[in-house]
Amino acid sequence: LFNLTKYDDVRKYVIARTFTNKKGKTVRKAPKIQRLVTPLTLQRKRARKAAKMNSVLRNKEEAAAYKKVVAQRLAEQKEARRSLISK
């Protein structure tokens, strides 16, 4: 939009209006600058993404462990039924 680089000061390019107030001073009114991409916001974004990925990996590992336990218990139950029938 304004062809800015990451080193430009964003506050200089805000669309503002100038007017004279009741005391006769010229005043510049501009909206607040929100969602400014700073190193801190990028750091937080990286942390959120890393936490999400860790959660996904942990869930996969826990699901695999659970499947293993369930399969083992089923095998034990089958073995117990076989031993009861063979007696």
PDB file of N, CA and C in Angstrom:
ATOM      1  N   LEU A   1       0.834  -1.194   0.000  1.00  0.00           N
ATOM      2  CA  LEU A   1       0.000   0.000   0.000  1.00  0.00           C
ATOM      3  C   LEU A   1       0.873   1.250   0.000  1.00  0.00           C
ATOM      4  N   PHE A   2       1.782   1.343   0.981  1.00  0.00           N
ATOM      5  CA  PHE A   2       2.647   2.516   1.059  1.00  0.00           C
ATOM      6  C   PHE A   2       4.069   2.202   0.619  1.00  0.00           C
ATOM      7  N   ASN A   3       4.314   0.965   0.171  1.00  0.00           N
ATOM      8  CA  ASN A   3       5.639   0.525  -0.272  1.00  0.00           C
ATOM      9  C   ASN A   3       6.682   0.760   0.822  1.00  0.00           C
ATOM     10  N   LEU A   4       6.396   0.249   2.018  1.00  0.00           N
ATOM     11  CA  LEU A   4       7.297   0.431   3.154  1.00  0.00           C
ATOM     12  C   LEU A   4       8.225  -0.757   3.291  1.00  0.00           C
ATOM     13  N   THR A   5       9.393  -0.479   3.846  1.00  0.00           N
ATOM     14  CA  THR A   5      10.296  -1.570   4.222  1.00  0.00           C
ATOM     15  C   THR A   5      10.093  -1.854   5.698  1.00  0.00           C
ATOM     16  N   LYS A   6      10.749  -2.898   6.206  1.00  0.00           N
ATOM     17  CA  LYS A   6      10.550  -3.226   7.613  1.00  0.00           C
ATOM     18  C   LYS A   6      11.280  -2.258   8.534  1.00  0.00           C
ATOM     19  N   TYR A   7      12.100  -1.390   7.971  1.00  0.00           N
ATOM     20  CA  TYR A   7      12.842  -0.420   8.792  1.00  0.00           C
ATOM     21  C   TYR A   7      12.143   0.924   8.874  1.00  0.00           C
ATOM     22  N   ASP A   8      11.091   1.139   8.073  1.00  0.00           N
ATOM     23  CA  ASP A   8      10.367   2.407   8.102  1.00  0.00           C
ATOM     24  C   ASP A   8       9.532   2.513   9.368  1.00  0.00           C
ATOM     25  N   ASP A   9       9.345   3.744   9.839  1.00  0.00           N
ATOM     26  CA  ASP A   9       8.505   3.984  11.011  1.00  0.00           C
ATOM     27  C   ASP A   9       7.056   4.084  10.542  1.00  0.00           C
ATOM     28  N   VAL A  10       6.236   3.169  11.022  1.00  0.00           N
ATOM     29  CA  VAL A  10       4.851   3.079  10.562  1.00  0.00           C
ATOM     30  C   VAL A  10       4.044   4.301  10.986  1.00  0.00           C
ATOM     31  N   ARG A  11       4.400   4.880  12.118  1.00  0.00           N
ATOM     32  CA  ARG A  11       3.620   5.993  12.660  1.00  0.00           C
ATOM     33  C   ARG A  11       3.623   7.212  11.749  1.00  0.00           C
ATOM     34  N   LYS A  12       4.636   7.328  10.899  1.00  0.00           N
ATOM     35  CA  LYS A  12       4.705   8.474   9.986  1.00  0.00           C
ATOM     36  C   LYS A  12       3.708   8.350   8.833  1.00  0.00           C
ATOM     37  N   TYR A  13       3.297   7.131   8.533  1.00  0.00           N
ATOM     38  CA  TYR A  13       2.469   6.891   7.361  1.00  0.00           C
ATOM     39  C   TYR A  13       0.996   6.673   7.689  1.00  0.00           C
ATOM     40  N   VAL A  14       0.613   6.900   8.932  1.00  0.00           N
ATOM     41  CA  VAL A  14      -0.780   6.735   9.332  1.00  0.00           C
ATOM     42  C   VAL A  14      -1.618   7.859   8.728  1.00  0.00           C
ATOM     43  N   ILE A  15      -2.791   7.505   8.232  1.00  0.00           N
ATOM     44  CA  ILE A  15      -3.684   8.515   7.669  1.00  0.00           C
ATOM     45  C   ILE A  15      -4.319   9.284   8.828  1.00  0.00           C
ATOM     46  N   ALA A  16      -4.041  10.572   8.887  1.00  0.00           N
ATOM     47  CA  ALA A  16      -4.517  11.389  10.003  1.00  0.00           C
ATOM     48  C   ALA A  16      -5.151  12.661   9.461  1.00  0.00           C
ATOM     49  N   ARG A  17      -5.875  13.329  10.338  1.00  0.00           N
ATOM     50  CA  ARG A  17      -6.450  14.608   9.937  1.00  0.00           C
ATOM     51  C   ARG A  17      -5.940  15.688  10.882  1.00  0.00           C
ATOM     52  N   THR A  18      -5.671  16.847  10.327  1.00  0.00           N
ATOM     53  CA  THR A  18      -5.223  17.983  11.141  1.00  0.00           C
ATOM     54  C   THR A  18      -6.362  18.998  11.192  1.00  0.00           C
ATOM     55  N   PHE A  19      -6.523  19.591  12.363  1.00  0.00           N
ATOM     56  CA  PHE A  19      -7.558  20.606  12.537  1.00  0.00           C
ATOM     57  C   PHE A  19      -7.115  21.541  13.646  1.00  0.00           C
ATOM     58  N   THR A  20      -7.796  22.669  13.747  1.00  0.00           N
ATOM     59  CA  THR A  20      -7.491  23.600  14.834  1.00  0.00           C
ATOM     60  C   THR A  20      -8.535  23.404  15.920  1.00  0.00           C
ATOM     61  N   ASN A  21      -8.032  23.299  17.147  1.00  0.00           N
ATOM     62  CA  ASN A  21      -8.976  23.115  18.255  1.00  0.00           C
ATOM     63  C   ASN A  21      -9.503  24.461  18.727  1.00  0.00           C
ATOM     64  N   LYS A  22     -10.272  24.451  19.791  1.00  0.00           N
ATOM     65  CA  LYS A  22     -10.910  25.685  20.262  1.00  0.00           C
ATOM     66  C   LYS A  22      -9.900  26.724  20.732  1.00  0.00           C
ATOM     67  N   LYS A  23      -8.739  26.270  21.187  1.00  0.00           N
ATOM     68  CA  LYS A  23      -7.710  27.209  21.658  1.00  0.00           C
ATOM     69  C   LYS A  23      -6.878  27.771  20.518  1.00  0.00           C
ATOM     70  N   GLY A  24      -7.078  27.272  19.317  1.00  0.00           N
ATOM     71  CA  GLY A  24      -6.355  27.806  18.169  1.00  0.00           C
ATOM     72  C   GLY A  24      -5.133  26.995  17.781  1.00  0.00           C
ATOM     73  N   LYS A  25      -4.838  25.932  18.516  1.00  0.00           N
ATOM     74  CA  LYS A  25      -3.683  25.101  18.173  1.00  0.00           C
ATOM     75  C   LYS A  25      -4.069  24.121  17.054  1.00  0.00           C
ATOM     76  N   THR A  26      -3.087  23.818  16.196  1.00  0.00           N
ATOM     77  CA  THR A  26      -3.338  22.793  15.177  1.00  0.00           C
ATOM     78  C   THR A  26      -3.039  21.431  15.796  1.00  0.00           C
ATOM     79  N   VAL A  27      -4.007  20.554  15.661  1.00  0.00           N
ATOM     80  CA  VAL A  27      -3.907  19.231  16.271  1.00  0.00           C
ATOM     81  C   VAL A  27      -3.989  18.181  15.181  1.00  0.00           C
ATOM     82  N   ARG A  28      -3.220  17.124  15.346  1.00  0.00           N
ATOM     83  CA  ARG A  28      -3.224  16.005  14.391  1.00  0.00           C
ATOM     84  C   ARG A  28      -3.848  14.802  15.080  1.00  0.00           C
ATOM     85  N   LYS A  29      -4.975  14.310  14.541  1.00  0.00           N
ATOM     86  CA  LYS A  29      -5.644  13.144  15.106  1.00  0.00           C
ATOM     87  C   LYS A  29      -5.439  11.965  14.172  1.00  0.00           C
ATOM     88  N   ALA A  30      -5.022  10.821  14.760  1.00  0.00           N
ATOM     89  CA  ALA A  30      -4.791   9.607  13.976  1.00  0.00           C
ATOM     90  C   ALA A  30      -5.294   8.402  14.756  1.00  0.00           C
ATOM     91  N   PRO A  31      -5.713   7.377  14.073  1.00  0.00           N
ATOM     92  CA  PRO A  31      -6.154   6.172  14.779  1.00  0.00           C
ATOM     93  C   PRO A  31      -4.974   5.460  15.421  1.00  0.00           C
ATOM     94  N   LYS A  32      -5.275   4.591  16.398  1.00  0.00           N
ATOM     95  CA  LYS A  32      -4.229   3.827  17.066  1.00  0.00           C
ATOM     96  C   LYS A  32      -3.684   2.781  16.101  1.00  0.00           C
ATOM     97  N   ILE A  33      -2.418   2.536  16.203  1.00  0.00           N
ATOM     98  CA  ILE A  33      -1.784   1.513  15.386  1.00  0.00           C
ATOM     99  C   ILE A  33      -1.868   0.203  16.162  1.00  0.00           C
ATOM    100  N   GLN A  34      -2.600  -0.745  15.598  1.00  0.00           N
ATOM    101  CA  GLN A  34      -2.727  -2.036  16.255  1.00  0.00           C
ATOM    102  C   GLN A  34      -2.078  -3.115  15.415  1.00  0.00           C
ATOM    103  N   ARG A  35      -1.831  -4.228  16.061  1.00  0.00           N
ATOM    104  CA  ARG A  35      -1.253  -5.402  15.398  1.00  0.00           C
ATOM    105  C   ARG A  35       0.051  -5.059  14.698  1.00  0.00           C
ATOM    106  N   LEU A  36       0.900  -4.339  15.372  1.00  0.00           N
ATOM    107  CA  LEU A  36       2.207  -4.014  14.836  1.00  0.00           C
ATOM    108  C   LEU A  36       3.075  -5.248  14.962  1.00  0.00           C
ATOM    109  N   VAL A  37       3.716  -5.657  13.881  1.00  0.00           N
ATOM    110  CA  VAL A  37       4.546  -6.859  13.908  1.00  0.00           C
ATOM    111  C   VAL A  37       5.897  -6.486  14.495  1.00  0.00           C
ATOM    112  N   THR A  38       6.098  -6.891  15.733  1.00  0.00           N
ATOM    113  CA  THR A  38       7.355  -6.619  16.419  1.00  0.00           C
ATOM    114  C   THR A  38       8.068  -7.938  16.670  1.00  0.00           C
ATOM    115  N   PRO A  39       9.331  -7.896  17.035  1.00  0.00           N
ATOM    116  CA  PRO A  39      10.031  -9.143  17.369  1.00  0.00           C
ATOM    117  C   PRO A  39       9.340  -9.927  18.479  1.00  0.00           C
ATOM    118  N   LEU A  40       8.715  -9.218  19.407  1.00  0.00           N
ATOM    119  CA  LEU A  40       8.033  -9.896  20.509  1.00  0.00           C
ATOM    120  C   LEU A  40       6.799 -10.663  20.014  1.00  0.00           C
ATOM    121  N   THR A  41       6.040 -10.051  19.089  1.00  0.00           N
ATOM    122  CA  THR A  41       4.872 -10.762  18.567  1.00  0.00           C
ATOM    123  C   THR A  41       5.298 -11.987  17.767  1.00  0.00           C
ATOM    124  N   LEU A  42       6.390 -11.864  17.021  1.00  0.00           N
ATOM    125  CA  LEU A  42       6.889 -13.005  16.259  1.00  0.00           C
ATOM    126  C   LEU A  42       7.356 -14.109  17.201  1.00  0.00           C
ATOM    127  N   GLN A  43       7.996 -13.715  18.308  1.00  0.00           N
ATOM    128  CA  GLN A  43       8.462 -14.689  19.298  1.00  0.00           C
ATOM    129  C   GLN A  43       7.275 -15.432  19.906  1.00  0.00           C
ATOM    130  N   ARG A  44       6.224 -14.698  20.220  1.00  0.00           N
ATOM    131  CA  ARG A  44       5.029 -15.336  20.795  1.00  0.00           C
ATOM    132  C   ARG A  44       4.383 -16.284  19.785  1.00  0.00           C
ATOM    133  N   LYS A  45       4.363 -15.864  18.527  1.00  0.00           N
ATOM    134  CA  LYS A  45       3.789 -16.714  17.484  1.00  0.00           C
ATOM    135  C   LYS A  45       4.587 -18.009  17.349  1.00  0.00           C
ATOM    136  N   ARG A  46       5.924 -17.892  17.383  1.00  0.00           N
ATOM    137  CA  ARG A  46       6.770 -19.082  17.314  1.00  0.00           C
ATOM    138  C   ARG A  46       6.517 -19.994  18.501  1.00  0.00           C
ATOM    139  N   ALA A  47       6.365 -19.398  19.690  1.00  0.00           N
ATOM    140  CA  ALA A  47       6.125 -20.190  20.901  1.00  0.00           C
ATOM    141  C   ALA A  47       4.787 -20.917  20.811  1.00  0.00           C
ATOM    142  N   ARG A  48       3.741 -20.223  20.326  1.00  0.00           N
ATOM    143  CA  ARG A  48       2.430 -20.864  20.162  1.00  0.00           C
ATOM    144  C   ARG A  48       2.510 -22.037  19.194  1.00  0.00           C
ATOM    145  N   LYS A  49       3.216 -21.822  18.076  1.00  0.00           N
ATOM    146  CA  LYS A  49       3.331 -22.869  17.068  1.00  0.00           C
ATOM    147  C   LYS A  49       4.101 -24.065  17.627  1.00  0.00           C
ATOM    148  N   ALA A  50       5.180 -23.794  18.368  1.00  0.00           N
ATOM    149  CA  ALA A  50       5.978 -24.871  18.949  1.00  0.00           C
ATOM    150  C   ALA A  50       5.162 -25.651  19.974  1.00  0.00           C
ATOM    151  N   ALA A  51       4.371 -24.938  20.776  1.00  0.00           N
ATOM    152  CA  ALA A  51       3.542 -25.603  21.779  1.00  0.00           C
ATOM    153  C   ALA A  51       2.514 -26.505  21.090  1.00  0.00           C
ATOM    154  N   LYS A  52       1.929 -26.012  20.002  1.00  0.00           N
ATOM    155  CA  LYS A  52       0.940 -26.797  19.278  1.00  0.00           C
ATOM    156  C   LYS A  52       1.581 -28.050  18.686  1.00  0.00           C
ATOM    157  N   MET A  53       2.763 -27.894  18.106  1.00  0.00           N
ATOM    158  CA  MET A  53       3.444 -29.038  17.512  1.00  0.00           C
ATOM    159  C   MET A  53       3.827 -30.060  18.584  1.00  0.00           C
ATOM    160  N   ASN A  54       4.308 -29.580  19.736  1.00  0.00           N
ATOM    161  CA  ASN A  54       4.648 -30.483  20.835  1.00  0.00           C
ATOM    162  C   ASN A  54       3.419 -31.244  21.290  1.00  0.00           C
ATOM    163  N   SER A  55       2.290 -30.553  21.349  1.00  0.00           N
ATOM    164  CA  SER A  55       1.051 -31.190  21.761  1.00  0.00           C
ATOM    165  C   SER A  55       0.658 -32.279  20.775  1.00  0.00           C
ATOM    166  N   VAL A  56       0.771 -31.998  19.485  1.00  0.00           N
ATOM    167  CA  VAL A  56       0.411 -32.974  18.455  1.00  0.00           C
ATOM    168  C   VAL A  56       1.304 -34.200  18.562  1.00  0.00           C
ATOM    169  N   LEU A  57       2.615 -33.972  18.713  1.00  0.00           N
ATOM    170  CA  LEU A  57       3.548 -35.097  18.805  1.00  0.00           C
ATOM    171  C   LEU A  57       3.278 -35.921  20.064  1.00  0.00           C
ATOM    172  N   ARG A  58       3.039 -35.245  21.177  1.00  0.00           N
ATOM    173  CA  ARG A  58       2.768 -35.947  22.428  1.00  0.00           C
ATOM    174  C   ARG A  58       1.489 -36.768  22.313  1.00  0.00           C
ATOM    175  N   ASN A  59       0.452 -36.186  21.675  1.00  0.00           N
ATOM    176  CA  ASN A  59      -0.804 -36.918  21.484  1.00  0.00           C
ATOM    177  C   ASN A  59      -0.597 -38.160  20.627  1.00  0.00           C
ATOM    178  N   LYS A  60       0.226 -38.048  19.569  1.00  0.00           N
ATOM    179  CA  LYS A  60       0.501 -39.208  18.721  1.00  0.00           C
ATOM    180  C   LYS A  60       1.191 -40.306  19.520  1.00  0.00           C
ATOM    181  N   GLU A  61       2.194 -39.905  20.325  1.00  0.00           N
ATOM    182  CA  GLU A  61       2.924 -40.891  21.117  1.00  0.00           C
ATOM    183  C   GLU A  61       1.992 -41.563  22.130  1.00  0.00           C
ATOM    184  N   GLU A  62       1.165 -40.762  22.793  1.00  0.00           N
ATOM    185  CA  GLU A  62       0.248 -41.326  23.784  1.00  0.00           C
ATOM    186  C   GLU A  62      -0.781 -42.240  23.125  1.00  0.00           C
ATOM    187  N   ALA A  63      -1.254 -41.877  21.941  1.00  0.00           N
ATOM    188  CA  ALA A  63      -2.220 -42.716  21.233  1.00  0.00           C
ATOM    189  C   ALA A  63      -1.585 -44.050  20.850  1.00  0.00           C
ATOM    190  N   ALA A  64      -0.325 -44.001  20.395  1.00  0.00           N
ATOM    191  CA  ALA A  64       0.362 -45.238  20.027  1.00  0.00           C
ATOM    192  C   ALA A  64       0.554 -46.124  21.251  1.00  0.00           C
ATOM    193  N   ALA A  65       0.938 -45.528  22.371  1.00  0.00           N
ATOM    194  CA  ALA A  65       1.124 -46.295  23.604  1.00  0.00           C
ATOM    195  C   ALA A  65      -0.202 -46.914  24.049  1.00  0.00           C
ATOM    196  N   TYR A  66      -1.279 -46.159  23.934  1.00  0.00           N
ATOM    197  CA  TYR A  66      -2.604 -46.650  24.332  1.00  0.00           C
ATOM    198  C   TYR A  66      -3.017 -47.835  23.447  1.00  0.00           C
ATOM    199  N   LYS A  67      -2.806 -47.702  22.123  1.00  0.00           N
ATOM    200  CA  LYS A  67      -3.140 -48.791  21.209  1.00  0.00           C
ATOM    201  C   LYS A  67      -2.361 -50.050  21.566  1.00  0.00           C
ATOM    202  N   LYS A  68      -1.090 -49.856  21.918  1.00  0.00           N
ATOM    203  CA  LYS A  68      -0.242 -50.982  22.287  1.00  0.00           C
ATOM    204  C   LYS A  68      -0.795 -51.683  23.521  1.00  0.00           C
ATOM    205  N   VAL A  69      -1.173 -50.916  24.529  1.00  0.00           N
ATOM    206  CA  VAL A  69      -1.708 -51.483  25.771  1.00  0.00           C
ATOM    207  C   VAL A  69      -3.021 -52.207  25.503  1.00  0.00           C
ATOM    208  N   VAL A  70      -3.899 -51.583  24.686  1.00  0.00           N
ATOM    209  CA  VAL A  70      -5.192 -52.198  24.373  1.00  0.00           C
ATOM    210  C   VAL A  70      -4.982 -53.519  23.638  1.00  0.00           C
ATOM    211  N   ALA A  71      -4.063 -53.548  22.683  1.00  0.00           N
ATOM    212  CA  ALA A  71      -3.786 -54.777  21.935  1.00  0.00           C
ATOM    213  C   ALA A  71      -3.252 -55.856  22.872  1.00  0.00           C
ATOM    214  N   GLN A  72      -2.387 -55.453  23.787  1.00  0.00           N
ATOM    215  CA  GLN A  72      -1.818 -56.411  24.744  1.00  0.00           C
ATOM    216  C   GLN A  72      -2.925 -56.988  25.637  1.00  0.00           C
ATOM    217  N   ARG A  73      -3.810 -56.140  26.137  1.00  0.00           N
ATOM    218  CA  ARG A  73      -4.904 -56.613  26.987  1.00  0.00           C
ATOM    219  C   ARG A  73      -5.845 -57.546  26.222  1.00  0.00           C
ATOM    220  N   LEU A  74      -6.141 -57.203  24.958  1.00  0.00           N
ATOM    221  CA  LEU A  74      -6.987 -58.080  24.150  1.00  0.00           C
ATOM    222  C   LEU A  74      -6.337 -59.442  23.952  1.00  0.00           C
ATOM    223  N   ALA A  75      -5.027 -59.438  23.684  1.00  0.00           N
ATOM    224  CA  ALA A  75      -4.308 -60.690  23.512  1.00  0.00           C
ATOM    225  C   ALA A  75      -4.355 -61.514  24.795  1.00  0.00           C
ATOM    226  N   GLU A  76      -4.196 -60.856  25.953  1.00  0.00           N
ATOM    227  CA  GLU A  76      -4.264 -61.556  27.238  1.00  0.00           C
ATOM    228  C   GLU A  76      -5.651 -62.158  27.449  1.00  0.00           C
ATOM    229  N   GLN A  77      -6.702 -61.407  27.097  1.00  0.00           N
ATOM    230  CA  GLN A  77      -8.064 -61.916  27.258  1.00  0.00           C
ATOM    231  C   GLN A  77      -8.311 -63.119  26.354  1.00  0.00           C
ATOM    232  N   LYS A  78      -7.822 -63.044  25.107  1.00  0.00           N
ATOM    233  CA  LYS A  78      -7.970 -64.169  24.190  1.00  0.00           C
ATOM    234  C   LYS A  78      -7.250 -65.394  24.736  1.00  0.00           C
ATOM    235  N   GLU A  79      -6.050 -65.162  25.243  1.00  0.00           N
ATOM    236  CA  GLU A  79      -5.258 -66.265  25.801  1.00  0.00           C
ATOM    237  C   GLU A  79      -5.981 -66.881  27.011  1.00  0.00           C
ATOM    238  N   ALA A  80      -6.563 -66.061  27.853  1.00  0.00           N
ATOM    239  CA  ALA A  80      -7.284 -66.555  29.021  1.00  0.00           C
ATOM    240  C   ALA A  80      -8.503 -67.367  28.576  1.00  0.00           C
ATOM    241  N   ARG A  81      -9.223 -66.892  27.545  1.00  0.00           N
ATOM    242  CA  ARG A  81     -10.373 -67.639  27.040  1.00  0.00           C
ATOM    243  C   ARG A  81      -9.941 -68.971  26.438  1.00  0.00           C
ATOM    244  N   ARG A  82      -8.817 -68.979  25.705  1.00  0.00           N
ATOM    245  CA  ARG A  82      -8.316 -70.215  25.103  1.00  0.00           C
ATOM    246  C   ARG A  82      -7.957 -71.238  26.188  1.00  0.00           C
ATOM    247  N   SER A  83      -7.302 -70.721  27.256  1.00  0.00           N
ATOM    248  CA  SER A  83      -6.906 -71.639  28.328  1.00  0.00           C
ATOM    249  C   SER A  83      -8.121 -72.195  29.061  1.00  0.00           C
ATOM    250  N   LEU A  84      -9.179 -71.396  29.202  1.00  0.00           N
ATOM    251  CA  LEU A  84     -10.398 -71.876  29.847  1.00  0.00           C
ATOM    252  C   LEU A  84     -11.092 -72.932  28.986  1.00  0.00           C
ATOM    253  N   ILE A  85     -11.121 -72.714  27.681  1.00  0.00           N
ATOM    254  CA  ILE A  85     -11.784 -73.636  26.770  1.00  0.00           C
ATOM    255  C   ILE A  85     -10.998 -74.944  26.679  1.00  0.00           C
ATOM    256  N   SER A  86      -9.669 -74.850  26.634  1.00  0.00           N
ATOM    257  CA  SER A  86      -8.844 -76.056  26.486  1.00  0.00           C
ATOM    258  C   SER A  86      -8.832 -76.930  27.727  1.00  0.00           C
ATOM    259  N   LYS A  87      -9.204 -76.407  28.869  1.00  0.00           N
ATOM    260  CA  LYS A  87      -9.182 -77.211  30.111  1.00  0.00           C
ATOM    261  C   LYS A  87     -10.179 -78.278  30.153  1.00  0.00           C
TER     262      LYS A  87
END
